[in-house]
Each structure stands twice: as structure tokens, then as C-alpha cells.
Amino acid sequence: MTLVDLPIADLLQAPIEHGRAQLDQARVAHYMERIDETEPVTVFDTDDGLLMADGYHRLEAARRLRRTTVRAYVRKGTPHDALQFAVENAEQKTDMTVSEALAAIYRRGRRGAD
């Protein structure tokens, strides 16, 4: 795992979006106030590109602050690895079960495909 500043424009964000229908605006505001102190986002370097697996509120905070890069942990892997990480992370950080996280990620992916 490598820690780098990645151009936001290079990140692929769908369909793994933590399963949230929308971002928690209070949480985004919290990260905006502490952007330089927040944990880096997690990205998987896949054959398809740099796939976001964790950190959507932090990413949105960086965008709103008009930053062009975001601190990221980059892991080598496949889209399946990124999905597995996202589901496990959602289960650990929220009250979602694995089934709920997968269903929410699937819904997000379907909306992006429409």
C-alpha cells in the first residue's frame, strides 16, 4: 500500500460508493474543516483504472475546497478486491450488514448504468 496525492479527475467512483444514497452533508463539512488531518481515501489500482473503495465524504470535502488532488492509500488489486474492501469497510464503520452493503452498492451501480 502506497500513500500518494492523486488527481481527483483520475479516480473512478462508481459503482463502489459505500452504499449511501447521498452523502451526509454534516460529515462533509466536518472533513472540510479538517481536510489536512483526515485519513486518506482508499483506492485500488486495477486494470480498469484507479477505483475508489473508501472515502467519499473526504473526497467531496476536497472537491468543495477546490482541491485537484486527494491523499490516498493505493492498493494493487482487482475490482473484486475493491468491492470486498468497500463491503468490509462499510460493515466495520456503519451498522450495515454485508448483505445490506452489497445491496446498496448494487443499487448505486444500477443507477450509474442508467
N, C-alpha and C. Protein backbone atom coordinates (compact mmCIF):
# COMPACT_ATOMS: atom_id res chain seq x y z
N MET A 1 0.86 -1.17 0.00
CA MET A 1 0.00 0.00 0.00
C MET A 1 0.90 1.23 0.00
N THR A 2 0.58 2.16 -0.88
CA THR A 2 1.36 3.37 -1.05
C THR A 2 0.50 4.59 -0.74
N LEU A 3 1.09 5.59 -0.08
CA LEU A 3 0.38 6.83 0.21
C LEU A 3 0.85 7.90 -0.76
N VAL A 4 -0.11 8.46 -1.53
CA VAL A 4 0.21 9.46 -2.54
C VAL A 4 -0.88 10.52 -2.63
N ASP A 5 -0.57 11.62 -3.31
CA ASP A 5 -1.58 12.60 -3.68
C ASP A 5 -2.03 12.26 -5.10
N LEU A 6 -3.30 11.92 -5.27
CA LEU A 6 -3.83 11.53 -6.57
C LEU A 6 -4.70 12.64 -7.15
N PRO A 7 -4.60 12.86 -8.46
CA PRO A 7 -5.54 13.80 -9.09
C PRO A 7 -6.96 13.27 -8.97
N ILE A 8 -7.86 14.07 -8.48
CA ILE A 8 -9.24 13.66 -8.30
C ILE A 8 -9.86 13.23 -9.63
N ALA A 9 -9.50 13.91 -10.71
CA ALA A 9 -10.05 13.59 -12.02
C ALA A 9 -9.70 12.17 -12.48
N ASP A 10 -8.67 11.57 -11.91
CA ASP A 10 -8.25 10.23 -12.33
C ASP A 10 -8.99 9.11 -11.62
N LEU A 11 -9.82 9.43 -10.64
CA LEU A 11 -10.47 8.40 -9.82
C LEU A 11 -11.78 7.93 -10.43
N LEU A 12 -11.95 6.62 -10.48
CA LEU A 12 -13.21 6.01 -10.89
C LEU A 12 -14.02 5.82 -9.62
N GLN A 13 -15.27 6.30 -9.61
CA GLN A 13 -16.01 6.30 -8.36
C GLN A 13 -17.20 5.37 -8.33
N ALA A 14 -17.67 4.90 -9.44
CA ALA A 14 -18.83 4.01 -9.43
C ALA A 14 -18.36 2.61 -9.78
N PRO A 15 -18.97 1.56 -9.29
CA PRO A 15 -20.20 1.57 -8.50
C PRO A 15 -19.98 1.47 -7.01
N ILE A 16 -18.73 1.49 -6.55
CA ILE A 16 -18.47 1.25 -5.13
C ILE A 16 -18.53 2.57 -4.38
N GLU A 17 -19.69 2.92 -3.88
CA GLU A 17 -19.85 4.21 -3.22
C GLU A 17 -20.39 4.05 -1.82
N HIS A 18 -19.89 3.06 -1.09
CA HIS A 18 -20.24 2.89 0.32
C HIS A 18 -21.72 2.61 0.54
N GLY A 19 -22.48 2.55 -0.53
CA GLY A 19 -23.88 2.21 -0.38
C GLY A 19 -24.77 3.34 0.10
N ARG A 20 -24.30 4.54 0.12
CA ARG A 20 -25.14 5.64 0.59
C ARG A 20 -25.89 6.26 -0.59
N ALA A 21 -27.16 6.52 -0.39
CA ALA A 21 -27.95 7.16 -1.43
C ALA A 21 -27.46 8.59 -1.65
N GLN A 22 -26.99 9.21 -0.59
CA GLN A 22 -26.42 10.55 -0.71
C GLN A 22 -25.44 10.74 0.43
N LEU A 23 -24.57 11.70 0.27
CA LEU A 23 -23.57 11.96 1.30
C LEU A 23 -24.18 12.72 2.47
N ASP A 24 -23.64 12.48 3.65
CA ASP A 24 -24.05 13.18 4.87
C ASP A 24 -23.36 14.54 4.84
N GLN A 25 -24.14 15.59 4.65
CA GLN A 25 -23.58 16.93 4.48
C GLN A 25 -22.84 17.42 5.73
N ALA A 26 -23.29 17.04 6.91
CA ALA A 26 -22.60 17.42 8.13
C ALA A 26 -21.21 16.77 8.18
N ARG A 27 -21.14 15.54 7.73
CA ARG A 27 -19.86 14.84 7.72
C ARG A 27 -18.90 15.46 6.70
N VAL A 28 -19.42 15.84 5.54
CA VAL A 28 -18.60 16.52 4.54
C VAL A 28 -18.06 17.83 5.12
N ALA A 29 -18.92 18.59 5.79
CA ALA A 29 -18.50 19.86 6.40
C ALA A 29 -17.43 19.62 7.46
N HIS A 30 -17.59 18.57 8.25
CA HIS A 30 -16.59 18.21 9.25
C HIS A 30 -15.23 17.98 8.59
N TYR A 31 -15.22 17.22 7.51
CA TYR A 31 -13.97 16.95 6.81
C TYR A 31 -13.39 18.19 6.15
N MET A 32 -14.25 19.08 5.69
CA MET A 32 -13.76 20.33 5.09
C MET A 32 -12.96 21.14 6.11
N GLU A 33 -13.43 21.15 7.35
CA GLU A 33 -12.74 21.90 8.40
C GLU A 33 -11.41 21.26 8.79
N ARG A 34 -11.28 19.98 8.55
CA ARG A 34 -10.09 19.24 8.99
C ARG A 34 -9.41 18.49 7.84
N ILE A 35 -9.51 19.00 6.65
CA ILE A 35 -9.07 18.28 5.46
C ILE A 35 -7.62 17.80 5.53
N ASP A 36 -6.76 18.58 6.11
CA ASP A 36 -5.34 18.18 6.16
C ASP A 36 -5.05 17.19 7.28
N GLU A 37 -6.02 16.92 8.12
CA GLU A 37 -5.83 15.99 9.24
C GLU A 37 -6.59 14.68 9.04
N THR A 38 -7.37 14.59 7.97
CA THR A 38 -8.21 13.41 7.79
C THR A 38 -7.43 12.23 7.24
N GLU A 39 -7.96 11.06 7.49
CA GLU A 39 -7.38 9.82 6.96
C GLU A 39 -7.47 9.84 5.44
N PRO A 40 -6.45 9.36 4.75
CA PRO A 40 -6.52 9.30 3.28
C PRO A 40 -7.65 8.39 2.80
N VAL A 41 -8.14 8.63 1.59
CA VAL A 41 -9.11 7.75 0.98
C VAL A 41 -8.39 6.46 0.57
N THR A 42 -9.16 5.41 0.25
CA THR A 42 -8.57 4.16 -0.19
C THR A 42 -8.95 3.91 -1.64
N VAL A 43 -7.94 3.66 -2.46
CA VAL A 43 -8.11 3.48 -3.89
C VAL A 43 -7.43 2.18 -4.31
N PHE A 44 -8.05 1.45 -5.23
CA PHE A 44 -7.43 0.25 -5.77
C PHE A 44 -6.97 0.52 -7.20
N ASP A 45 -5.71 0.23 -7.46
CA ASP A 45 -5.13 0.35 -8.79
C ASP A 45 -5.46 -0.94 -9.54
N THR A 46 -6.47 -0.88 -10.41
CA THR A 46 -6.94 -2.04 -11.15
C THR A 46 -6.60 -1.89 -12.63
N ASP A 47 -6.83 -2.93 -13.39
CA ASP A 47 -6.62 -2.84 -14.84
C ASP A 47 -7.53 -1.80 -15.47
N ASP A 48 -8.68 -1.53 -14.82
CA ASP A 48 -9.64 -0.55 -15.33
C ASP A 48 -9.32 0.88 -14.93
N GLY A 49 -8.40 1.06 -13.98
CA GLY A 49 -8.06 2.40 -13.50
C GLY A 49 -8.03 2.45 -11.99
N LEU A 50 -8.03 3.65 -11.45
CA LEU A 50 -7.97 3.87 -10.01
C LEU A 50 -9.39 3.90 -9.46
N LEU A 51 -9.76 2.84 -8.75
CA LEU A 51 -11.13 2.64 -8.29
C LEU A 51 -11.27 2.99 -6.81
N MET A 52 -12.14 3.97 -6.51
CA MET A 52 -12.40 4.35 -5.12
C MET A 52 -13.05 3.20 -4.38
N ALA A 53 -12.59 2.96 -3.15
CA ALA A 53 -13.21 1.93 -2.31
C ALA A 53 -13.66 2.50 -0.97
N ASP A 54 -13.12 3.64 -0.58
CA ASP A 54 -13.46 4.24 0.70
C ASP A 54 -13.07 5.71 0.67
N GLY A 55 -13.90 6.57 1.30
CA GLY A 55 -13.51 7.97 1.47
C GLY A 55 -14.33 8.97 0.69
N TYR A 56 -15.58 8.64 0.38
CA TYR A 56 -16.38 9.54 -0.44
C TYR A 56 -16.70 10.87 0.22
N HIS A 57 -16.88 10.90 1.54
CA HIS A 57 -17.11 12.18 2.22
C HIS A 57 -15.83 13.02 2.19
N ARG A 58 -14.69 12.40 2.38
CA ARG A 58 -13.41 13.12 2.32
C ARG A 58 -13.14 13.63 0.91
N LEU A 59 -13.47 12.82 -0.08
CA LEU A 59 -13.29 13.25 -1.47
C LEU A 59 -14.18 14.45 -1.78
N GLU A 60 -15.43 14.40 -1.35
CA GLU A 60 -16.34 15.52 -1.59
C GLU A 60 -15.85 16.78 -0.86
N ALA A 61 -15.32 16.62 0.33
CA ALA A 61 -14.76 17.78 1.05
C ALA A 61 -13.62 18.41 0.25
N ALA A 62 -12.75 17.58 -0.29
CA ALA A 62 -11.63 18.10 -1.10
C ALA A 62 -12.15 18.83 -2.34
N ARG A 63 -13.16 18.27 -2.99
CA ARG A 63 -13.75 18.93 -4.17
C ARG A 63 -14.32 20.30 -3.81
N ARG A 64 -15.07 20.34 -2.72
CA ARG A 64 -15.70 21.61 -2.33
C ARG A 64 -14.67 22.67 -1.96
N LEU A 65 -13.52 22.22 -1.52
CA LEU A 65 -12.43 23.15 -1.22
C LEU A 65 -11.60 23.47 -2.47
N ARG A 66 -12.09 22.98 -3.60
CA ARG A 66 -11.48 23.21 -4.92
C ARG A 66 -10.06 22.63 -5.03
N ARG A 67 -9.85 21.54 -4.35
CA ARG A 67 -8.57 20.85 -4.46
C ARG A 67 -8.61 19.97 -5.70
N THR A 68 -7.48 19.81 -6.30
CA THR A 68 -7.40 18.97 -7.50
C THR A 68 -6.82 17.59 -7.20
N THR A 69 -6.29 17.43 -5.98
CA THR A 69 -5.75 16.14 -5.57
C THR A 69 -6.34 15.74 -4.22
N VAL A 70 -6.21 14.47 -3.91
CA VAL A 70 -6.65 13.94 -2.63
C VAL A 70 -5.60 12.95 -2.16
N ARG A 71 -5.32 12.94 -0.84
CA ARG A 71 -4.40 11.96 -0.27
C ARG A 71 -5.06 10.60 -0.33
N ALA A 72 -4.31 9.62 -0.78
CA ALA A 72 -4.91 8.29 -0.95
C ALA A 72 -3.91 7.19 -0.65
N TYR A 73 -4.44 6.13 -0.04
CA TYR A 73 -3.72 4.88 0.05
C TYR A 73 -4.06 4.13 -1.23
N VAL A 74 -3.05 3.73 -1.96
CA VAL A 74 -3.27 2.99 -3.21
C VAL A 74 -2.85 1.55 -3.01
N ARG A 75 -3.77 0.66 -3.29
CA ARG A 75 -3.52 -0.78 -3.20
C ARG A 75 -3.64 -1.38 -4.59
N LYS A 76 -2.82 -2.35 -4.88
CA LYS A 76 -2.95 -3.11 -6.12
C LYS A 76 -4.08 -4.09 -5.95
N GLY A 77 -4.87 -4.31 -6.98
CA GLY A 77 -5.94 -5.28 -6.88
C GLY A 77 -6.87 -5.23 -8.07
N THR A 78 -7.93 -5.97 -7.93
CA THR A 78 -8.96 -6.07 -8.96
C THR A 78 -10.20 -5.30 -8.51
N PRO A 79 -11.15 -5.09 -9.42
CA PRO A 79 -12.42 -4.50 -8.98
C PRO A 79 -13.08 -5.35 -7.88
N HIS A 80 -12.94 -6.65 -7.94
CA HIS A 80 -13.49 -7.52 -6.88
C HIS A 80 -12.82 -7.21 -5.54
N ASP A 81 -11.51 -7.01 -5.53
CA ASP A 81 -10.80 -6.66 -4.29
C ASP A 81 -11.33 -5.35 -3.72
N ALA A 82 -11.56 -4.37 -4.61
CA ALA A 82 -12.09 -3.08 -4.18
C ALA A 82 -13.48 -3.23 -3.60
N LEU A 83 -14.31 -4.04 -4.24
CA LEU A 83 -15.65 -4.28 -3.74
C LEU A 83 -15.61 -4.96 -2.38
N GLN A 84 -14.77 -5.97 -2.25
CA GLN A 84 -14.65 -6.67 -0.97
C GLN A 84 -14.21 -5.71 0.14
N PHE A 85 -13.23 -4.86 -0.16
CA PHE A 85 -12.76 -3.88 0.81
C PHE A 85 -13.90 -2.93 1.18
N ALA A 86 -14.64 -2.44 0.19
CA ALA A 86 -15.72 -1.49 0.45
C ALA A 86 -16.79 -2.10 1.34
N VAL A 87 -17.15 -3.36 1.07
CA VAL A 87 -18.18 -4.02 1.86
C VAL A 87 -17.70 -4.22 3.29
N GLU A 88 -16.48 -4.74 3.44
CA GLU A 88 -15.95 -4.97 4.79
C GLU A 88 -15.81 -3.66 5.55
N ASN A 89 -15.39 -2.61 4.87
CA ASN A 89 -15.23 -1.30 5.50
C ASN A 89 -16.59 -0.74 5.92
N ALA A 90 -17.60 -0.87 5.06
CA ALA A 90 -18.94 -0.39 5.40
C ALA A 90 -19.48 -1.14 6.61
N GLU A 91 -19.22 -2.43 6.66
CA GLU A 91 -19.69 -3.24 7.78
C GLU A 91 -19.01 -2.80 9.08
N GLN A 92 -17.72 -2.49 9.02
CA GLN A 92 -16.97 -2.10 10.22
C GLN A 92 -17.33 -0.69 10.69
N LYS A 93 -17.52 0.23 9.75
CA LYS A 93 -17.71 1.63 10.12
C LYS A 93 -19.17 2.06 10.28
N THR A 94 -20.09 1.23 9.84
CA THR A 94 -21.50 1.58 9.94
C THR A 94 -22.25 0.42 10.60
N ASP A 95 -23.54 0.55 10.68
CA ASP A 95 -24.34 -0.54 11.23
C ASP A 95 -24.88 -1.45 10.13
N MET A 96 -24.35 -1.34 8.92
CA MET A 96 -24.80 -2.17 7.80
C MET A 96 -24.27 -3.59 7.92
N THR A 97 -25.09 -4.54 7.50
CA THR A 97 -24.62 -5.91 7.38
C THR A 97 -23.97 -6.06 6.01
N VAL A 98 -23.29 -7.17 5.79
CA VAL A 98 -22.68 -7.43 4.49
C VAL A 98 -23.74 -7.42 3.40
N SER A 99 -24.87 -8.05 3.66
CA SER A 99 -25.95 -8.10 2.68
C SER A 99 -26.48 -6.70 2.36
N GLU A 100 -26.65 -5.88 3.37
CA GLU A 100 -27.13 -4.50 3.15
C GLU A 100 -26.11 -3.69 2.35
N ALA A 101 -24.83 -3.84 2.67
CA ALA A 101 -23.79 -3.11 1.95
C ALA A 101 -23.75 -3.54 0.48
N LEU A 102 -23.81 -4.84 0.22
CA LEU A 102 -23.81 -5.32 -1.17
C LEU A 102 -25.03 -4.83 -1.93
N ALA A 103 -26.20 -4.89 -1.30
CA ALA A 103 -27.42 -4.42 -1.95
C ALA A 103 -27.33 -2.94 -2.28
N ALA A 104 -26.81 -2.16 -1.35
CA ALA A 104 -26.69 -0.71 -1.57
C ALA A 104 -25.69 -0.41 -2.68
N ILE A 105 -24.58 -1.12 -2.70
CA ILE A 105 -23.58 -0.92 -3.75
C ILE A 105 -24.17 -1.32 -5.10
N TYR A 106 -24.92 -2.40 -5.14
CA TYR A 106 -25.57 -2.83 -6.37
C TYR A 106 -26.53 -1.74 -6.87
N ARG A 107 -27.34 -1.19 -5.95
CA ARG A 107 -28.28 -0.13 -6.34
C ARG A 107 -27.53 1.06 -6.92
N ARG A 108 -26.40 1.42 -6.28
CA ARG A 108 -25.60 2.55 -6.78
C ARG A 108 -25.10 2.26 -8.18
N GLY A 109 -24.62 1.06 -8.39
CA GLY A 109 -24.11 0.67 -9.71
C GLY A 109 -25.19 0.69 -10.77
N ARG A 110 -26.39 0.25 -10.42
CA ARG A 110 -27.51 0.26 -11.37
C ARG A 110 -27.89 1.68 -11.76
N ARG A 111 -27.90 2.59 -10.78
CA ARG A 111 -28.23 3.99 -11.10
C ARG A 111 -27.19 4.58 -12.04
N GLY A 112 -25.91 4.21 -11.83
CA GLY A 112 -24.86 4.74 -12.72
C GLY A 112 -24.95 4.18 -14.11
N ALA A 113 -25.55 2.98 -14.28
CA ALA A 113 -25.66 2.36 -15.58
C ALA A 113 -26.83 2.89 -16.38
N ASP A 114 -27.78 3.53 -15.73
CA ASP A 114 -29.00 4.03 -16.42
C ASP A 114 -28.69 5.23 -17.28
